[in-house]
Amino acid sequence: MIKKAKHAVKTNAATGALMIAMFFNPLGFDALFALVMKWTGSYWVTDAIFYGISILFFLLYTILSRKDKKKKSLEGA
Protein backbone atom coordinates (compact mmCIF):
# COMPACT_ATOMS: atom_id res chain seq x y z
CA MET A 1 0.00 0.00 0.00
CA ILE A 2 2.82 2.39 0.87
CA LYS A 3 4.58 1.54 -2.41
CA LYS A 4 1.46 2.53 -4.35
CA ALA A 5 1.23 5.82 -2.47
CA LYS A 6 4.91 6.58 -3.10
CA HIS A 7 4.44 5.79 -6.79
CA ALA A 8 1.39 8.07 -6.98
CA VAL A 9 3.27 10.95 -5.32
CA LYS A 10 6.24 10.48 -7.65
CA THR A 11 3.97 10.36 -10.71
CA ASN A 12 2.11 13.49 -9.63
CA ALA A 13 5.39 15.31 -8.95
CA ALA A 14 6.70 14.30 -12.39
CA THR A 15 3.55 15.57 -14.07
CA GLY A 16 3.72 18.83 -12.12
CA ALA A 17 7.35 19.31 -13.12
CA LEU A 18 6.45 18.75 -16.78
CA MET A 19 3.65 21.31 -16.57
CA ILE A 20 5.95 23.91 -15.00
CA ALA A 21 8.62 23.18 -17.63
CA MET A 22 6.09 23.75 -20.39
CA PHE A 23 5.02 27.02 -18.78
CA PHE A 24 8.58 28.34 -18.53
CA ASN A 25 9.35 27.46 -22.13
CA PRO A 26 9.24 31.06 -23.45
CA LEU A 27 6.50 30.84 -26.03
CA GLY A 28 3.35 32.39 -24.62
CA PHE A 29 3.47 34.07 -21.24
CA ASP A 30 4.31 37.60 -22.31
CA ALA A 31 3.56 39.39 -19.04
CA LEU A 32 6.00 37.36 -16.93
CA PHE A 33 8.65 37.48 -19.64
CA ALA A 34 8.26 41.25 -19.97
CA LEU A 35 8.52 41.71 -16.20
CA VAL A 36 11.74 39.71 -15.96
CA MET A 37 13.11 41.53 -19.01
CA LYS A 38 12.39 44.83 -17.28
CA TRP A 39 14.30 43.62 -14.19
CA THR A 40 17.31 42.34 -16.13
CA GLY A 41 17.32 44.99 -18.84
CA SER A 42 18.29 42.40 -21.44
CA TYR A 43 16.26 40.21 -23.76
CA TRP A 44 19.03 37.61 -24.03
CA VAL A 45 19.55 37.30 -20.27
CA THR A 46 15.81 36.93 -19.76
CA ASP A 47 15.62 34.34 -22.53
CA ALA A 48 18.48 32.39 -20.95
CA ILE A 49 16.76 32.52 -17.54
CA PHE A 50 13.51 31.11 -18.93
CA TYR A 51 15.23 28.41 -20.95
CA GLY A 52 17.29 27.51 -17.88
CA ILE A 53 14.17 27.17 -15.73
CA SER A 54 12.50 25.12 -18.46
CA ILE A 55 15.50 22.79 -18.74
CA LEU A 56 15.60 22.41 -14.96
CA PHE A 57 11.99 21.25 -14.83
CA PHE A 58 12.34 18.97 -17.87
CA LEU A 59 15.27 17.29 -16.09
CA LEU A 60 13.22 17.05 -12.91
CA TYR A 61 10.39 15.45 -14.89
CA THR A 62 12.81 12.97 -16.46
CA ILE A 63 14.29 12.04 -13.09
CA LEU A 64 10.91 11.67 -11.40
CA SER A 65 9.32 9.68 -14.22
CA ARG A 66 12.26 7.29 -14.68
CA LYS A 67 11.34 3.73 -13.94
CA ASP A 68 13.51 1.75 -11.57
CA LYS A 69 15.07 -0.82 -13.93
CA LYS A 70 16.75 -2.75 -11.15
CA LYS A 71 13.41 -3.19 -9.33
CA LYS A 72 11.69 -4.40 -12.53
CA SER A 73 14.43 -6.93 -13.26
CA LEU A 74 14.09 -8.36 -9.75
CA GLU A 75 10.31 -8.65 -10.07
CA GLY A 76 10.56 -10.43 -13.42
CA ALA A 77 13.02 -13.04 -12.12
PDB file of N, CA and C in Angstrom:
ATOM      1  N   MET A   1       0.821  -1.195   0.000  1.00  0.00           N
ATOM      2  CA  MET A   1       0.000   0.000   0.000  1.00  0.00           C
ATOM      3  C   MET A   1       0.864   1.257   0.000  1.00  0.00           C
ATOM      4  N   ILE A   2       1.934   1.240   0.796  1.00  0.00           N
ATOM      5  CA  ILE A   2       2.824   2.392   0.873  1.00  0.00           C
ATOM      6  C   ILE A   2       3.553   2.581  -0.452  1.00  0.00           C
ATOM      7  N   LYS A   3       3.911   1.459  -1.118  1.00  0.00           N
ATOM      8  CA  LYS A   3       4.582   1.540  -2.410  1.00  0.00           C
ATOM      9  C   LYS A   3       3.689   2.224  -3.443  1.00  0.00           C
ATOM     10  N   LYS A   4       2.397   1.912  -3.412  1.00  0.00           N
ATOM     11  CA  LYS A   4       1.461   2.535  -4.355  1.00  0.00           C
ATOM     12  C   LYS A   4       1.339   4.031  -4.088  1.00  0.00           C
ATOM     13  N   ALA A   5       1.326   4.402  -2.825  1.00  0.00           N
ATOM     14  CA  ALA A   5       1.231   5.822  -2.470  1.00  0.00           C
ATOM     15  C   ALA A   5       2.487   6.570  -2.900  1.00  0.00           C
ATOM     16  N   LYS A   6       3.657   5.961  -2.678  1.00  0.00           N
ATOM     17  CA  LYS A   6       4.908   6.584  -3.099  1.00  0.00           C
ATOM     18  C   LYS A   6       4.944   6.745  -4.619  1.00  0.00           C
ATOM     19  N   HIS A   7       4.474   5.727  -5.326  1.00  0.00           N
ATOM     20  CA  HIS A   7       4.441   5.794  -6.789  1.00  0.00           C
ATOM     21  C   HIS A   7       3.497   6.899  -7.256  1.00  0.00           C
ATOM     22  N   ALA A   8       2.355   7.034  -6.606  1.00  0.00           N
ATOM     23  CA  ALA A   8       1.395   8.070  -6.976  1.00  0.00           C
ATOM     24  C   ALA A   8       1.971   9.463  -6.736  1.00  0.00           C
ATOM     25  N   VAL A   9       2.655   9.646  -5.619  1.00  0.00           N
ATOM     26  CA  VAL A   9       3.272  10.947  -5.316  1.00  0.00           C
ATOM     27  C   VAL A   9       4.350  11.265  -6.343  1.00  0.00           C
ATOM     28  N   LYS A  10       5.177  10.281  -6.670  1.00  0.00           N
ATOM     29  CA  LYS A  10       6.243  10.483  -7.648  1.00  0.00           C
ATOM     30  C   LYS A  10       5.666  10.799  -9.027  1.00  0.00           C
ATOM     31  N   THR A  11       4.607  10.113  -9.421  1.00  0.00           N
ATOM     32  CA  THR A  11       3.968  10.363 -10.712  1.00  0.00           C
ATOM     33  C   THR A  11       3.368  11.757 -10.748  1.00  0.00           C
ATOM     34  N   ASN A  12       2.699  12.153  -9.680  1.00  0.00           N
ATOM     35  CA  ASN A  12       2.107  13.495  -9.632  1.00  0.00           C
ATOM     36  C   ASN A  12       3.186  14.576  -9.649  1.00  0.00           C
ATOM     37  N   ALA A  13       4.293  14.349  -8.953  1.00  0.00           N
ATOM     38  CA  ALA A  13       5.395  15.311  -8.946  1.00  0.00           C
ATOM     39  C   ALA A  13       6.010  15.419 -10.339  1.00  0.00           C
ATOM     40  N   ALA A  14       6.150  14.295 -11.029  1.00  0.00           N
ATOM     41  CA  ALA A  14       6.702  14.299 -12.386  1.00  0.00           C
ATOM     42  C   ALA A  14       5.787  15.076 -13.332  1.00  0.00           C
ATOM     43  N   THR A  15       4.501  14.852 -13.224  1.00  0.00           N
ATOM     44  CA  THR A  15       3.545  15.569 -14.070  1.00  0.00           C
ATOM     45  C   THR A  15       3.563  17.067 -13.762  1.00  0.00           C
ATOM     46  N   GLY A  16       3.638  17.420 -12.504  1.00  0.00           N
ATOM     47  CA  GLY A  16       3.716  18.833 -12.115  1.00  0.00           C
ATOM     48  C   GLY A  16       4.971  19.497 -12.655  1.00  0.00           C
ATOM     49  N   ALA A  17       6.098  18.775 -12.592  1.00  0.00           N
ATOM     50  CA  ALA A  17       7.355  19.309 -13.118  1.00  0.00           C
ATOM     51  C   ALA A  17       7.264  19.524 -14.628  1.00  0.00           C
ATOM     52  N   LEU A  18       6.626  18.601 -15.333  1.00  0.00           N
ATOM     53  CA  LEU A  18       6.451  18.749 -16.778  1.00  0.00           C
ATOM     54  C   LEU A  18       5.580  19.960 -17.101  1.00  0.00           C
ATOM     55  N   MET A  19       4.530  20.161 -16.342  1.00  0.00           N
ATOM     56  CA  MET A  19       3.646  21.306 -16.572  1.00  0.00           C
ATOM     57  C   MET A  19       4.386  22.625 -16.330  1.00  0.00           C
ATOM     58  N   ILE A  20       5.188  22.692 -15.286  1.00  0.00           N
ATOM     59  CA  ILE A  20       5.955  23.907 -15.004  1.00  0.00           C
ATOM     60  C   ILE A  20       6.995  24.134 -16.099  1.00  0.00           C
ATOM     61  N   ALA A  21       7.636  23.063 -16.550  1.00  0.00           N
ATOM     62  CA  ALA A  21       8.620  23.181 -17.627  1.00  0.00           C
ATOM     63  C   ALA A  21       7.970  23.736 -18.890  1.00  0.00           C
ATOM     64  N   MET A  22       6.789  23.260 -19.201  1.00  0.00           N
ATOM     65  CA  MET A  22       6.086  23.753 -20.389  1.00  0.00           C
ATOM     66  C   MET A  22       5.702  25.216 -20.219  1.00  0.00           C
ATOM     67  N   PHE A  23       5.371  25.628 -19.022  1.00  0.00           N
ATOM     68  CA  PHE A  23       5.022  27.024 -18.783  1.00  0.00           C
ATOM     69  C   PHE A  23       6.238  27.928 -18.973  1.00  0.00           C
ATOM     70  N   PHE A  24       7.396  27.503 -18.464  1.00  0.00           N
ATOM     71  CA  PHE A  24       8.582  28.340 -18.526  1.00  0.00           C
ATOM     72  C   PHE A  24       9.287  28.277 -19.874  1.00  0.00           C
ATOM     73  N   ASN A  25       8.823  27.456 -20.781  1.00  0.00           N
ATOM     74  CA  ASN A  25       9.347  27.461 -22.132  1.00  0.00           C
ATOM     75  C   ASN A  25       8.825  28.734 -22.790  1.00  0.00           C
ATOM     76  N   PRO A  26       9.699  29.701 -23.107  1.00  0.00           N
ATOM     77  CA  PRO A  26       9.239  31.063 -23.446  1.00  0.00           C
ATOM     78  C   PRO A  26       8.512  31.161 -24.785  1.00  0.00           C
ATOM     79  N   LEU A  27       7.274  30.763 -24.797  1.00  0.00           N
ATOM     80  CA  LEU A  27       6.502  30.837 -26.032  1.00  0.00           C
ATOM     81  C   LEU A  27       5.146  31.515 -25.879  1.00  0.00           C
ATOM     82  N   GLY A  28       4.684  31.850 -24.679  1.00  0.00           N
ATOM     83  CA  GLY A  28       3.347  32.386 -24.624  1.00  0.00           C
ATOM     84  C   GLY A  28       2.943  33.079 -23.342  1.00  0.00           C
ATOM     85  N   PHE A  29       3.822  33.447 -22.507  1.00  0.00           N
ATOM     86  CA  PHE A  29       3.466  34.070 -21.239  1.00  0.00           C
ATOM     87  C   PHE A  29       4.143  35.434 -21.174  1.00  0.00           C
ATOM     88  N   ASP A  30       3.683  36.303 -22.051  1.00  0.00           N
ATOM     89  CA  ASP A  30       4.312  37.599 -22.308  1.00  0.00           C
ATOM     90  C   ASP A  30       4.476  38.479 -21.071  1.00  0.00           C
ATOM     91  N   ALA A  31       3.500  38.491 -20.196  1.00  0.00           N
ATOM     92  CA  ALA A  31       3.562  39.391 -19.044  1.00  0.00           C
ATOM     93  C   ALA A  31       4.737  39.048 -18.129  1.00  0.00           C
ATOM     94  N   LEU A  32       4.897  37.772 -17.803  1.00  0.00           N
ATOM     95  CA  LEU A  32       6.000  37.362 -16.930  1.00  0.00           C
ATOM     96  C   LEU A  32       7.345  37.582 -17.613  1.00  0.00           C
ATOM     97  N   PHE A  33       7.409  37.282 -18.891  1.00  0.00           N
ATOM     98  CA  PHE A  33       8.646  37.482 -19.640  1.00  0.00           C
ATOM     99  C   PHE A  33       9.008  38.967 -19.681  1.00  0.00           C
ATOM    100  N   ALA A  34       8.015  39.807 -19.922  1.00  0.00           N
ATOM    101  CA  ALA A  34       8.260  41.254 -19.973  1.00  0.00           C
ATOM    102  C   ALA A  34       8.715  41.786 -18.609  1.00  0.00           C
ATOM    103  N   LEU A  35       8.134  41.282 -17.539  1.00  0.00           N
ATOM    104  CA  LEU A  35       8.520  41.715 -16.199  1.00  0.00           C
ATOM    105  C   LEU A  35       9.980  41.362 -15.904  1.00  0.00           C
ATOM    106  N   VAL A  36      10.363  40.130 -16.203  1.00  0.00           N
ATOM    107  CA  VAL A  36      11.739  39.710 -15.961  1.00  0.00           C
ATOM    108  C   VAL A  36      12.695  40.487 -16.872  1.00  0.00           C
ATOM    109  N   MET A  37      12.261  40.757 -18.101  1.00  0.00           N
ATOM    110  CA  MET A  37      13.107  41.529 -19.013  1.00  0.00           C
ATOM    111  C   MET A  37      13.298  42.952 -18.499  1.00  0.00           C
ATOM    112  N   LYS A  38      12.278  43.496 -17.871  1.00  0.00           N
ATOM    113  CA  LYS A  38      12.394  44.828 -17.282  1.00  0.00           C
ATOM    114  C   LYS A  38      13.400  44.816 -16.126  1.00  0.00           C
ATOM    115  N   TRP A  39      13.373  43.744 -15.313  1.00  0.00           N
ATOM    116  CA  TRP A  39      14.297  43.622 -14.190  1.00  0.00           C
ATOM    117  C   TRP A  39      15.736  43.462 -14.661  1.00  0.00           C
ATOM    118  N   THR A  40      15.939  42.612 -15.682  1.00  0.00           N
ATOM    119  CA  THR A  40      17.307  42.335 -16.132  1.00  0.00           C
ATOM    120  C   THR A  40      17.823  43.382 -17.114  1.00  0.00           C
ATOM    121  N   GLY A  41      16.922  44.012 -17.845  1.00  0.00           N
ATOM    122  CA  GLY A  41      17.317  44.994 -18.843  1.00  0.00           C
ATOM    123  C   GLY A  41      17.876  44.386 -20.114  1.00  0.00           C
ATOM    124  N   SER A  42      17.733  43.074 -20.267  1.00  0.00           N
ATOM    125  CA  SER A  42      18.294  42.399 -21.438  1.00  0.00           C
ATOM    126  C   SER A  42      17.358  41.280 -21.894  1.00  0.00           C
ATOM    127  N   TYR A  43      17.077  41.280 -23.185  1.00  0.00           N
ATOM    128  CA  TYR A  43      16.258  40.207 -23.757  1.00  0.00           C
ATOM    129  C   TYR A  43      16.992  38.873 -23.647  1.00  0.00           C
ATOM    130  N   TRP A  44      18.280  38.860 -23.982  1.00  0.00           N
ATOM    131  CA  TRP A  44      19.032  37.610 -24.027  1.00  0.00           C
ATOM    132  C   TRP A  44      19.219  36.995 -22.646  1.00  0.00           C
ATOM    133  N   VAL A  45      19.429  37.813 -21.643  1.00  0.00           N
ATOM    134  CA  VAL A  45      19.551  37.298 -20.272  1.00  0.00           C
ATOM    135  C   VAL A  45      18.215  36.707 -19.824  1.00  0.00           C
ATOM    136  N   THR A  46      17.139  37.423 -20.110  1.00  0.00           N
ATOM    137  CA  THR A  46      15.805  36.925 -19.757  1.00  0.00           C
ATOM    138  C   THR A  46      15.506  35.621 -20.478  1.00  0.00           C
ATOM    139  N   ASP A  47      15.827  35.560 -21.750  1.00  0.00           N
ATOM    140  CA  ASP A  47      15.615  34.343 -22.532  1.00  0.00           C
ATOM    141  C   ASP A  47      16.408  33.180 -21.934  1.00  0.00           C
ATOM    142  N   ALA A  48      17.654  33.434 -21.555  1.00  0.00           N
ATOM    143  CA  ALA A  48      18.481  32.393 -20.948  1.00  0.00           C
ATOM    144  C   ALA A  48      17.901  31.930 -19.612  1.00  0.00           C
ATOM    145  N   ILE A  49      17.375  32.865 -18.824  1.00  0.00           N
ATOM    146  CA  ILE A  49      16.758  32.515 -17.542  1.00  0.00           C
ATOM    147  C   ILE A  49      15.571  31.581 -17.762  1.00  0.00           C
ATOM    148  N   PHE A  50      14.705  31.922 -18.700  1.00  0.00           N
ATOM    149  CA  PHE A  50      13.511  31.115 -18.931  1.00  0.00           C
ATOM    150  C   PHE A  50      13.854  29.749 -19.525  1.00  0.00           C
ATOM    151  N   TYR A  51      14.809  29.710 -20.439  1.00  0.00           N
ATOM    152  CA  TYR A  51      15.229  28.411 -20.954  1.00  0.00           C
ATOM    153  C   TYR A  51      15.892  27.582 -19.854  1.00  0.00           C
ATOM    154  N   GLY A  52      16.662  28.216 -18.995  1.00  0.00           N
ATOM    155  CA  GLY A  52      17.286  27.507 -17.885  1.00  0.00           C
ATOM    156  C   GLY A  52      16.262  26.901 -16.933  1.00  0.00           C
ATOM    157  N   ILE A  53      15.235  27.686 -16.600  1.00  0.00           N
ATOM    158  CA  ILE A  53      14.167  27.171 -15.734  1.00  0.00           C
ATOM    159  C   ILE A  53      13.439  26.021 -16.424  1.00  0.00           C
ATOM    160  N   SER A  54      13.174  26.173 -17.703  1.00  0.00           N
ATOM    161  CA  SER A  54      12.503  25.123 -18.463  1.00  0.00           C
ATOM    162  C   SER A  54      13.327  23.836 -18.469  1.00  0.00           C
ATOM    163  N   ILE A  55      14.619  23.960 -18.733  1.00  0.00           N
ATOM    164  CA  ILE A  55      15.502  22.786 -18.742  1.00  0.00           C
ATOM    165  C   ILE A  55      15.541  22.129 -17.370  1.00  0.00           C
ATOM    166  N   LEU A  56      15.599  22.937 -16.321  1.00  0.00           N
ATOM    167  CA  LEU A  56      15.603  22.411 -14.959  1.00  0.00           C
ATOM    168  C   LEU A  56      14.378  21.531 -14.698  1.00  0.00           C
ATOM    169  N   PHE A  57      13.205  22.025 -15.090  1.00  0.00           N
ATOM    170  CA  PHE A  57      11.990  21.254 -14.829  1.00  0.00           C
ATOM    171  C   PHE A  57      11.830  20.066 -15.773  1.00  0.00           C
ATOM    172  N   PHE A  58      12.339  20.153 -17.000  1.00  0.00           N
ATOM    173  CA  PHE A  58      12.337  18.973 -17.866  1.00  0.00           C
ATOM    174  C   PHE A  58      13.229  17.887 -17.281  1.00  0.00           C
ATOM    175  N   LEU A  59      14.395  18.271 -16.740  1.00  0.00           N
ATOM    176  CA  LEU A  59      15.268  17.294 -16.093  1.00  0.00           C
ATOM    177  C   LEU A  59      14.602  16.695 -14.858  1.00  0.00           C
ATOM    178  N   LEU A  60      13.934  17.541 -14.083  1.00  0.00           N
ATOM    179  CA  LEU A  60      13.216  17.051 -12.907  1.00  0.00           C
ATOM    180  C   LEU A  60      12.136  16.058 -13.311  1.00  0.00           C
ATOM    181  N   TYR A  61      11.412  16.368 -14.380  1.00  0.00           N
ATOM    182  CA  TYR A  61      10.392  15.447 -14.889  1.00  0.00           C
ATOM    183  C   TYR A  61      11.021  14.118 -15.292  1.00  0.00           C
ATOM    184  N   THR A  62      12.143  14.188 -16.005  1.00  0.00           N
ATOM    185  CA  THR A  62      12.813  12.968 -16.458  1.00  0.00           C
ATOM    186  C   THR A  62      13.261  12.125 -15.278  1.00  0.00           C
ATOM    187  N   ILE A  63      13.825  12.772 -14.279  1.00  0.00           N
ATOM    188  CA  ILE A  63      14.293  12.041 -13.093  1.00  0.00           C
ATOM    189  C   ILE A  63      13.121  11.417 -12.339  1.00  0.00           C
ATOM    190  N   LEU A  64      12.046  12.177 -12.169  1.00  0.00           N
ATOM    191  CA  LEU A  64      10.913  11.671 -11.398  1.00  0.00           C
ATOM    192  C   LEU A  64      10.110  10.605 -12.147  1.00  0.00           C
ATOM    193  N   SER A  65      10.122  10.648 -13.471  1.00  0.00           N
ATOM    194  CA  SER A  65       9.324   9.684 -14.220  1.00  0.00           C
ATOM    195  C   SER A  65      10.114   8.450 -14.626  1.00  0.00           C
ATOM    196  N   ARG A  66      11.409   8.427 -14.326  1.00  0.00           N
ATOM    197  CA  ARG A  66      12.256   7.289 -14.677  1.00  0.00           C
ATOM    198  C   ARG A  66      11.814   6.061 -13.890  1.00  0.00           C
ATOM    199  N   LYS A  67      11.722   4.975 -14.592  1.00  0.00           N
ATOM    200  CA  LYS A  67      11.339   3.726 -13.936  1.00  0.00           C
ATOM    201  C   LYS A  67      12.589   3.071 -13.350  1.00  0.00           C
ATOM    202  N   ASP A  68      12.402   2.422 -12.233  1.00  0.00           N
ATOM    203  CA  ASP A  68      13.507   1.747 -11.571  1.00  0.00           C
ATOM    204  C   ASP A  68      13.763   0.418 -12.271  1.00  0.00           C
ATOM    205  N   LYS A  69      14.782   0.381 -13.135  1.00  0.00           N
ATOM    206  CA  LYS A  69      15.073  -0.815 -13.930  1.00  0.00           C
ATOM    207  C   LYS A  69      15.511  -1.984 -13.057  1.00  0.00           C
ATOM    208  N   LYS A  70      16.275  -1.689 -12.021  1.00  0.00           N
ATOM    209  CA  LYS A  70      16.751  -2.747 -11.145  1.00  0.00           C
ATOM    210  C   LYS A  70      15.566  -3.424 -10.454  1.00  0.00           C
ATOM    211  N   LYS A  71      14.590  -2.652 -10.016  1.00  0.00           N
ATOM    212  CA  LYS A  71      13.408  -3.189  -9.334  1.00  0.00           C
ATOM    213  C   LYS A  71      12.607  -4.067 -10.303  1.00  0.00           C
ATOM    214  N   LYS A  72      12.448  -3.626 -11.550  1.00  0.00           N
ATOM    215  CA  LYS A  72      11.686  -4.402 -12.531  1.00  0.00           C
ATOM    216  C   LYS A  72      12.378  -5.717 -12.842  1.00  0.00           C
ATOM    217  N   SER A  73      13.715  -5.695 -12.937  1.00  0.00           N
ATOM    218  CA  SER A  73      14.428  -6.928 -13.262  1.00  0.00           C
ATOM    219  C   SER A  73      14.313  -7.937 -12.107  1.00  0.00           C
ATOM    220  N   LEU A  74      14.252  -7.451 -10.893  1.00  0.00           N
ATOM    221  CA  LEU A  74      14.091  -8.356  -9.748  1.00  0.00           C
ATOM    222  C   LEU A  74      12.680  -8.938  -9.705  1.00  0.00           C
ATOM    223  N   GLU A  75      11.683  -8.152 -10.081  1.00  0.00           N
ATOM    224  CA  GLU A  75      10.312  -8.645 -10.071  1.00  0.00           C
ATOM    225  C   GLU A  75      10.074  -9.679 -11.159  1.00  0.00           C
ATOM    226  N   GLY A  76      10.753  -9.515 -12.294  1.00  0.00           N
ATOM    227  CA  GLY A  76      10.565 -10.434 -13.420  1.00  0.00           C
ATOM    228  C   GLY A  76      11.284 -11.765 -13.219  1.00  0.00           C
ATOM    229  N   ALA A  77      12.237 -11.810 -12.310  1.00  0.00           N
ATOM    230  CA  ALA A  77      13.021 -13.039 -12.123  1.00  0.00           C
ATOM    231  C   ALA A  77      12.327 -14.047 -11.278  1.00  0.00           C
TER     232      ALA A  77
END
